[in-house]
Protein backbone atom coordinates (compact mmCIF):
# COMPACT_ATOMS: atom_id res chain seq x y z
CA MET A 1 0.01 0.01 -0.02
CA VAL A 2 1.34 3.37 -0.98
CA PHE A 3 1.61 5.93 1.84
CA ILE A 4 1.36 9.52 0.68
CA THR A 5 3.13 11.98 3.02
CA GLU A 6 2.30 15.67 3.72
CA ASP A 7 5.71 16.44 2.14
CA ASN A 8 4.82 14.61 -0.98
CA ILE A 9 1.61 16.65 -1.28
CA LYS A 10 3.38 20.01 -0.55
CA GLN A 11 6.00 19.38 -3.17
CA LEU A 12 3.49 18.48 -5.86
CA GLY A 13 1.34 21.45 -4.93
CA THR A 14 4.22 23.88 -5.12
CA MET A 15 5.11 22.50 -8.63
CA ILE A 16 1.62 22.98 -9.78
CA GLU A 17 1.52 26.52 -8.43
CA LYS A 18 4.39 27.45 -10.68
CA THR A 19 2.55 26.38 -13.88
CA ASP A 20 0.89 28.71 -16.43
CA GLU A 21 -2.58 30.11 -15.69
CA PRO A 22 -4.39 28.01 -18.31
CA LEU A 23 -3.13 24.87 -16.59
CA LYS A 24 -4.05 26.17 -13.11
CA LYS A 25 -7.52 27.13 -14.50
CA THR A 26 -8.31 23.64 -15.80
CA PHE A 27 -6.92 22.13 -12.59
CA GLN A 28 -9.68 23.97 -10.79
CA ASN A 29 -12.29 21.99 -12.84
CA ILE A 30 -10.48 18.89 -11.68
CA HIS A 31 -10.33 19.58 -7.92
CA GLN A 32 -13.68 21.48 -7.54
CA GLY A 33 -12.47 23.14 -4.36
CA TYR A 34 -10.46 20.12 -3.07
CA PRO A 35 -6.90 20.48 -4.56
CA THR A 36 -5.15 18.42 -1.90
CA GLU A 37 -7.38 15.44 -2.49
CA SER A 38 -6.84 15.65 -6.19
CA LEU A 39 -3.03 15.82 -5.69
CA VAL A 40 -3.21 12.75 -3.61
CA ARG A 41 -5.06 10.85 -6.37
CA PHE A 42 -2.27 11.52 -8.92
CA LEU A 43 0.38 10.69 -6.30
CA LYS A 44 -1.29 7.30 -5.59
CA ALA A 45 -1.53 6.65 -9.36
CA ARG A 46 2.31 7.00 -9.50
CA ASP A 47 3.08 5.12 -6.26
CA GLY A 48 4.00 8.33 -4.37
CA ASN A 49 6.70 9.42 -6.83
CA VAL A 50 6.38 13.25 -6.98
CA SER A 51 8.22 13.73 -10.27
CA ASN A 52 6.08 11.05 -11.97
CA ALA A 53 2.85 12.33 -10.49
CA TYR A 54 3.79 15.92 -11.68
CA LYS A 55 4.39 14.64 -15.20
CA MET A 56 1.08 12.66 -15.13
CA LEU A 57 -0.83 15.73 -13.87
CA ILE A 58 0.71 18.13 -16.42
CA ASP A 59 0.02 15.73 -19.21
CA CYS A 60 -3.62 15.48 -18.05
CA LEU A 61 -3.92 19.23 -17.79
CA ASN A 62 -2.57 19.72 -21.34
CA TRP A 63 -4.81 17.00 -22.65
CA ARG A 64 -7.83 18.86 -21.18
CA ILE A 65 -6.75 22.19 -22.79
CA GLN A 66 -5.95 20.72 -26.20
CA ASN A 67 -9.25 18.81 -26.33
CA GLU A 68 -11.41 21.57 -24.67
CA ILE A 69 -12.61 19.13 -21.98
CA ASP A 70 -13.65 22.06 -19.79
CA ASN A 71 -16.34 22.79 -22.41
CA ILE A 72 -17.41 19.19 -23.09
CA LEU A 73 -20.52 19.48 -20.86
CA ALA A 74 -21.76 22.23 -23.16
CA LYS A 75 -21.57 20.04 -26.32
CA PRO A 76 -24.67 17.86 -26.49
CA ILE A 77 -24.81 14.82 -28.81
CA ILE A 78 -27.62 15.60 -31.30
CA PRO A 79 -30.15 14.71 -32.55
CA ALA A 80 -31.78 13.10 -29.51
CA GLU A 81 -32.39 9.91 -31.47
CA LEU A 82 -28.70 9.42 -31.90
CA TYR A 83 -28.05 9.98 -28.19
CA ARG A 84 -30.73 7.47 -27.38
CA ALA A 85 -29.04 5.03 -29.74
CA ILE A 86 -25.72 5.58 -27.88
CA ARG A 87 -27.45 5.03 -24.59
CA ASP A 88 -28.91 1.79 -25.89
CA SER A 89 -25.53 0.52 -27.01
CA GLN A 90 -23.22 1.95 -24.35
CA LEU A 91 -24.80 0.69 -21.24
CA VAL A 92 -23.80 2.97 -18.26
CA GLY A 93 -25.92 4.53 -15.57
CA PHE A 94 -26.20 5.90 -12.07
CA SER A 95 -28.36 3.84 -9.69
CA GLY A 96 -27.91 5.58 -6.32
CA TYR A 97 -25.61 5.79 -3.38
CA SER A 98 -23.77 3.37 -0.96
CA LYS A 99 -24.46 3.67 2.74
CA GLU A 100 -21.29 5.68 2.98
CA GLY A 101 -22.56 8.12 0.36
CA LEU A 102 -20.46 6.93 -2.65
CA PRO A 103 -22.25 7.20 -5.95
CA VAL A 104 -23.06 3.84 -7.55
CA ILE A 105 -22.28 3.62 -11.31
CA ALA A 106 -23.58 0.61 -13.23
CA ILE A 107 -22.01 -0.66 -16.43
CA GLY A 108 -23.46 -3.30 -18.74
CA VAL A 109 -20.25 -4.82 -20.06
CA GLY A 110 -21.72 -7.92 -21.59
CA LEU A 111 -24.73 -6.36 -23.46
CA SER A 112 -23.03 -3.13 -24.62
CA THR A 113 -22.65 -3.39 -28.40
CA PHE A 114 -21.01 -0.01 -29.31
CA ASP A 115 -22.41 -0.39 -32.84
CA LYS A 116 -24.82 2.62 -33.24
CA ALA A 117 -22.26 5.42 -33.70
CA SER A 118 -18.55 6.16 -34.34
CA ILE A 119 -15.94 5.65 -31.70
CA HIS A 120 -15.72 9.43 -31.20
CA TYR A 121 -19.37 9.54 -30.06
CA TYR A 122 -18.82 6.84 -27.46
CA VAL A 123 -15.64 8.52 -26.27
CA GLN A 124 -17.44 11.87 -25.96
CA SER A 125 -20.33 10.36 -24.10
CA HIS A 126 -18.01 8.55 -21.64
CA ILE A 127 -15.99 11.70 -20.94
CA GLN A 128 -19.18 13.73 -20.46
CA MET A 129 -20.31 11.21 -17.80
CA ASN A 130 -16.94 11.38 -16.10
CA GLU A 131 -17.10 15.24 -16.05
CA TYR A 132 -20.72 15.33 -14.87
CA ARG A 133 -19.70 12.85 -12.06
CA ASP A 134 -16.78 14.99 -11.04
CA ARG A 135 -18.32 18.49 -11.46
CA VAL A 136 -21.95 17.86 -10.48
CA ILE A 137 -22.62 14.54 -8.75
CA LEU A 138 -19.61 14.31 -6.35
CA PRO A 139 -19.67 17.97 -5.28
CA SER A 140 -23.49 17.76 -4.53
CA THR A 141 -22.77 14.40 -2.82
CA THR A 142 -20.10 16.09 -0.70
CA LYS A 143 -22.35 18.82 0.26
CA ARG A 144 -25.25 16.50 1.08
CA PHE A 145 -23.19 14.23 3.33
CA GLY A 146 -21.16 17.07 4.89
CA ARG A 147 -17.77 15.47 4.12
CA TYR A 148 -15.54 15.06 1.12
CA ILE A 149 -16.59 12.30 -1.28
CA GLY A 150 -14.35 12.01 -4.35
CA THR A 151 -14.80 8.32 -5.48
CA CYS A 152 -17.57 6.05 -6.65
CA ILE A 153 -18.48 2.35 -6.72
CA LYS A 154 -18.79 0.63 -10.07
CA ILE A 155 -20.90 -2.51 -10.61
CA LEU A 156 -20.08 -4.32 -13.82
CA ASP A 157 -22.74 -6.62 -15.27
CA MET A 158 -21.31 -9.40 -17.35
CA THR A 159 -24.69 -10.73 -18.48
CA GLY A 160 -24.60 -11.65 -22.19
CA LEU A 161 -20.76 -11.61 -22.45
CA LYS A 162 -19.86 -13.47 -25.71
CA PHE A 163 -16.90 -14.18 -27.91
CA SER A 164 -18.06 -11.32 -30.19
CA ALA A 165 -16.98 -8.86 -27.44
CA LEU A 166 -13.56 -9.29 -28.79
CA SER A 167 -14.32 -6.70 -31.44
CA GLN A 168 -14.82 -4.01 -28.75
CA ILE A 169 -11.47 -4.40 -27.16
CA LYS A 170 -9.98 -1.44 -29.08
CA LEU A 171 -12.70 0.89 -27.91
CA LEU A 172 -12.67 -0.30 -24.32
CA SER A 173 -8.86 -0.02 -24.22
CA VAL A 174 -9.18 3.72 -25.43
CA ILE A 175 -11.73 4.45 -22.68
CA SER A 176 -9.71 2.61 -20.12
CA THR A 177 -6.54 4.46 -21.02
CA ILE A 178 -8.37 7.93 -20.90
CA ASP A 179 -9.60 7.00 -17.40
CA ASP A 180 -6.22 5.73 -16.18
CA LEU A 181 -4.29 8.82 -17.36
CA ASN A 182 -6.84 11.61 -16.68
CA TYR A 183 -9.28 10.34 -14.02
CA PRO A 184 -7.03 8.24 -11.74
CA GLU A 185 -8.21 6.73 -8.49
CA LYS A 186 -11.84 7.73 -8.96
CA THR A 187 -13.25 4.25 -8.26
CA GLU A 188 -13.28 2.70 -4.76
CA THR A 189 -14.33 -0.79 -5.72
CA TYR A 190 -15.34 -2.70 -8.85
CA PHE A 191 -17.97 -5.29 -8.29
CA ILE A 192 -18.32 -7.94 -11.00
CA VAL A 193 -21.76 -9.61 -11.19
CA ASN A 194 -23.60 -12.16 -13.39
CA ALA A 195 -20.24 -13.47 -14.67
CA PRO A 196 -20.48 -16.33 -17.15
CA TYR A 197 -17.79 -18.96 -17.61
CA ILE A 198 -16.13 -17.00 -20.40
CA PHE A 199 -15.36 -14.23 -17.94
CA SER A 200 -14.15 -16.51 -15.21
CA ALA A 201 -11.76 -18.13 -17.60
CA CYS A 202 -10.24 -14.85 -18.75
CA TRP A 203 -10.18 -13.36 -15.24
CA LYS A 204 -7.88 -16.15 -13.96
CA ILE A 205 -5.39 -15.12 -16.64
CA VAL A 206 -5.84 -11.32 -16.54
CA LYS A 207 -5.89 -10.90 -12.79
CA PRO A 208 -2.15 -11.45 -12.23
CA LEU A 209 -1.44 -8.84 -14.96
CA LEU A 210 -3.15 -6.00 -13.12
CA GLN A 211 -1.36 -3.67 -10.76
CA GLU A 212 -1.77 -4.64 -7.16
CA ARG A 213 -3.79 -1.56 -6.19
CA THR A 214 -6.26 -2.24 -9.12
CA ARG A 215 -6.39 -5.92 -8.27
CA LYS A 216 -7.44 -5.27 -4.68
CA LYS A 217 -10.28 -3.06 -5.85
CA VAL A 218 -11.97 -5.81 -7.96
CA LYS A 219 -14.50 -8.15 -6.26
CA VAL A 220 -16.16 -10.93 -8.14
CA LEU A 221 -19.53 -11.71 -6.60
CA SER A 222 -21.69 -14.88 -6.92
CA GLY A 223 -24.74 -14.50 -9.28
CA SER A 224 -26.33 -11.04 -9.29
CA GLY A 225 -24.44 -10.15 -6.15
CA ARG A 226 -27.64 -8.82 -4.51
CA ASP A 227 -27.09 -10.15 -1.01
CA GLU A 228 -23.49 -8.94 -0.80
CA LEU A 229 -24.29 -5.50 -2.26
CA LEU A 230 -27.20 -4.99 0.12
CA LYS A 231 -24.56 -4.92 2.99
CA ILE A 232 -23.19 -1.69 1.57
CA MET A 233 -26.21 -0.08 -0.14
CA ASP A 234 -30.06 0.03 0.20
CA TYR A 235 -32.26 -1.91 -2.21
CA ASP A 236 -33.34 1.21 -4.05
CA SER A 237 -29.66 1.88 -5.01
CA LEU A 238 -29.20 -1.60 -6.52
CA PRO A 239 -28.96 -1.49 -10.31
CA HIS A 240 -31.90 -3.37 -11.95
CA PHE A 241 -29.69 -6.29 -12.98
CA CYS A 242 -28.79 -7.01 -9.38
CA ARG A 243 -32.47 -7.17 -8.19
CA ARG A 244 -33.07 -10.60 -9.49
CA GLU A 245 -35.08 -13.10 -7.53
CA GLY A 246 -34.70 -16.31 -9.54
CA SER A 247 -34.78 -15.32 -13.22
CA GLY A 248 -35.29 -11.92 -14.81
CA SER A 249 -34.56 -8.48 -13.54
CA SER A 250 -36.51 -5.51 -12.17
CA ARG A 251 -36.57 -2.82 -14.83
CA HIS A 252 -39.06 -0.65 -12.97
CA SER A 253 -38.73 0.64 -9.37
CA LYS A 254 -41.42 0.13 -6.73
CA ASN A 255 -42.97 3.56 -7.49
CA GLY A 256 -43.44 2.71 -11.21
CA THR A 257 -40.59 4.88 -12.55
CA VAL A 258 -38.01 3.55 -14.95
CA GLY A 259 -35.71 1.28 -12.98
CA ASP A 260 -33.34 0.42 -15.81
CA CYS A 261 -30.47 2.87 -15.04
CA PHE A 262 -29.08 2.45 -18.55
CA SER A 263 -32.14 3.84 -20.28
CA LEU A 264 -32.25 7.39 -21.53
CA ASP A 265 -35.62 7.65 -19.84
CA HIS A 266 -33.98 7.01 -16.40
CA THR A 267 -33.90 10.16 -14.15
CA PHE A 268 -30.06 10.32 -14.22
CA HIS A 269 -29.73 10.38 -17.98
CA GLN A 270 -32.57 12.81 -18.40
CA GLU A 271 -30.94 15.19 -15.89
CA LEU A 272 -27.55 14.69 -17.51
CA TYR A 273 -28.77 15.43 -21.12
CA SER A 274 -30.84 18.44 -19.91
CA TYR A 275 -27.75 19.83 -18.10
CA ILE A 276 -25.59 19.54 -21.21
CA LYS A 277 -28.26 21.28 -23.30
CA GLU A 278 -28.68 24.00 -20.75
CA GLN A 279 -24.87 24.62 -20.62
CA SER A 280 -24.87 24.77 -24.42
CA ALA A 281 -27.61 27.39 -24.44
CA LEU A 282 -25.65 29.49 -21.92
CA ARG A 283 -22.51 29.74 -23.98
CA LYS A 284 -21.72 33.10 -25.37
CA PRO A 285 -21.76 34.09 -28.15
CA ALA A 286 -24.74 31.89 -28.80
CA ALA A 287 -24.31 29.71 -31.84
CA PRO A 288 -26.44 26.97 -33.29
CA VAL A 289 -25.45 23.49 -32.02
CA LYS A 290 -24.12 21.48 -34.92
CA GLN A 291 -24.50 17.79 -35.39
CA GLY A 292 -21.13 15.93 -35.20
CA SER A 293 -19.01 14.18 -32.68
CA PHE A 294 -16.62 16.01 -30.29
CA HIS A 295 -13.25 14.60 -31.32
CA VAL A 296 -10.77 13.94 -28.59
CA ASP A 297 -7.27 12.94 -29.06
CA PHE A 298 -6.88 9.26 -28.01
CA PRO A 299 -3.87 8.74 -25.74
CA GLU A 300 -1.57 5.79 -26.53
CA THR A 301 -2.88 2.69 -24.84
CA SER A 302 -0.77 1.83 -21.84
CA LEU A 303 1.61 -1.23 -21.96
CA GLU A 304 -0.53 -2.77 -19.20
CA ASP A 305 -3.77 -2.38 -21.24
CA VAL A 306 -2.05 -3.66 -24.41
CA LYS A 307 -0.84 -6.77 -22.57
CA ILE A 308 -4.30 -7.41 -21.01
CA ALA A 309 -6.05 -6.90 -24.37
CA GLU A 310 -3.66 -9.37 -26.10
CA THR A 311 -4.23 -11.89 -23.23
CA ILE A 312 -7.95 -11.56 -23.48
CA GLU A 313 -7.86 -11.98 -27.29
CA THR A 314 -5.70 -15.14 -27.01
CA GLU A 315 -7.94 -16.58 -24.32
CA PHE A 316 -11.11 -15.84 -26.31
CA GLN A 317 -9.63 -17.48 -29.36
CA ARG A 318 -8.65 -20.59 -27.32
CA LEU A 319 -12.12 -20.81 -25.76
CA GLY A 320 -13.57 -20.27 -29.26
CA ASP A 321 -11.59 -23.08 -30.60
CA GLN A 322 -12.77 -25.33 -27.72
CA ASN A 323 -16.33 -24.26 -28.21
CA GLY A 324 -16.08 -25.07 -31.96
CA LEU A 325 -14.58 -28.47 -31.19
CA SER A 326 -17.36 -29.26 -28.66
CA HIS A 327 -20.07 -28.36 -31.26
CA SER A 328 -18.27 -30.59 -33.82
CA LEU A 329 -18.09 -33.50 -31.42
CA HIS A 330 -21.78 -32.99 -30.51
């Protein structure tokens, strides 16, 4: 476990204070009034090495400026039909809070198809949700609970995971690398639920390749994980795919509202999309919103992600060969 000292934080803070104003301005959008906690995140991501953490943070700030990330919450994906198609094929949502106040983010890994738009739209949507989490949800959560809350819980649903998911590895690697380099240490725990055999087989091989701090955050739960998750959150905060009793899942909450947190009709996505459109309308000088994706420079995939992707690909092919052989024998 990496121990970050006050001296580490002070050194990094002093180095950032000496940077140019544009860098300091975009850093404000990162820390949202909590600079120390943000410095700690980057230090943890670089095992307490101040020089490496400084380089990582500076690279992140430059990436934000070059790609106008500070303005991404004022760039709606239009028309609405396209955004709905993205939501139907990039399954991510917000289902509630843990008992400690951490936002619960649900991700439909197995059933996400990423086949309704270009990679740029999916990356734009992912970054917008990251920024909305960091600039809106976490600050409001901090205020609500009266203490700093800067991380979230992610529940990854592996329902429907198939060999065809291999075609999505490039996009997932891009998204993973963006998160690793620019949004480090934002997830407290990753819970894996509804894992089929294909995931279990790959996990045994991929697990040793992960960094120790990442590996410790991942918990693979039995079945839908409902009983284990109810120890840390209330029933209303469970994603719909964790509410199973026998077969099927609850897609509507007890009060009749949409319970599928992936749906554009869910309260979270309605609020997010409305917020982005409002921010776009407030921009001056006012200009018509044009259709088109918001292109973001893709960082080079980390060596760790490349190795993991290659390992998954090899394992999928091996399992595919076995599957084909079993069908032939049958």
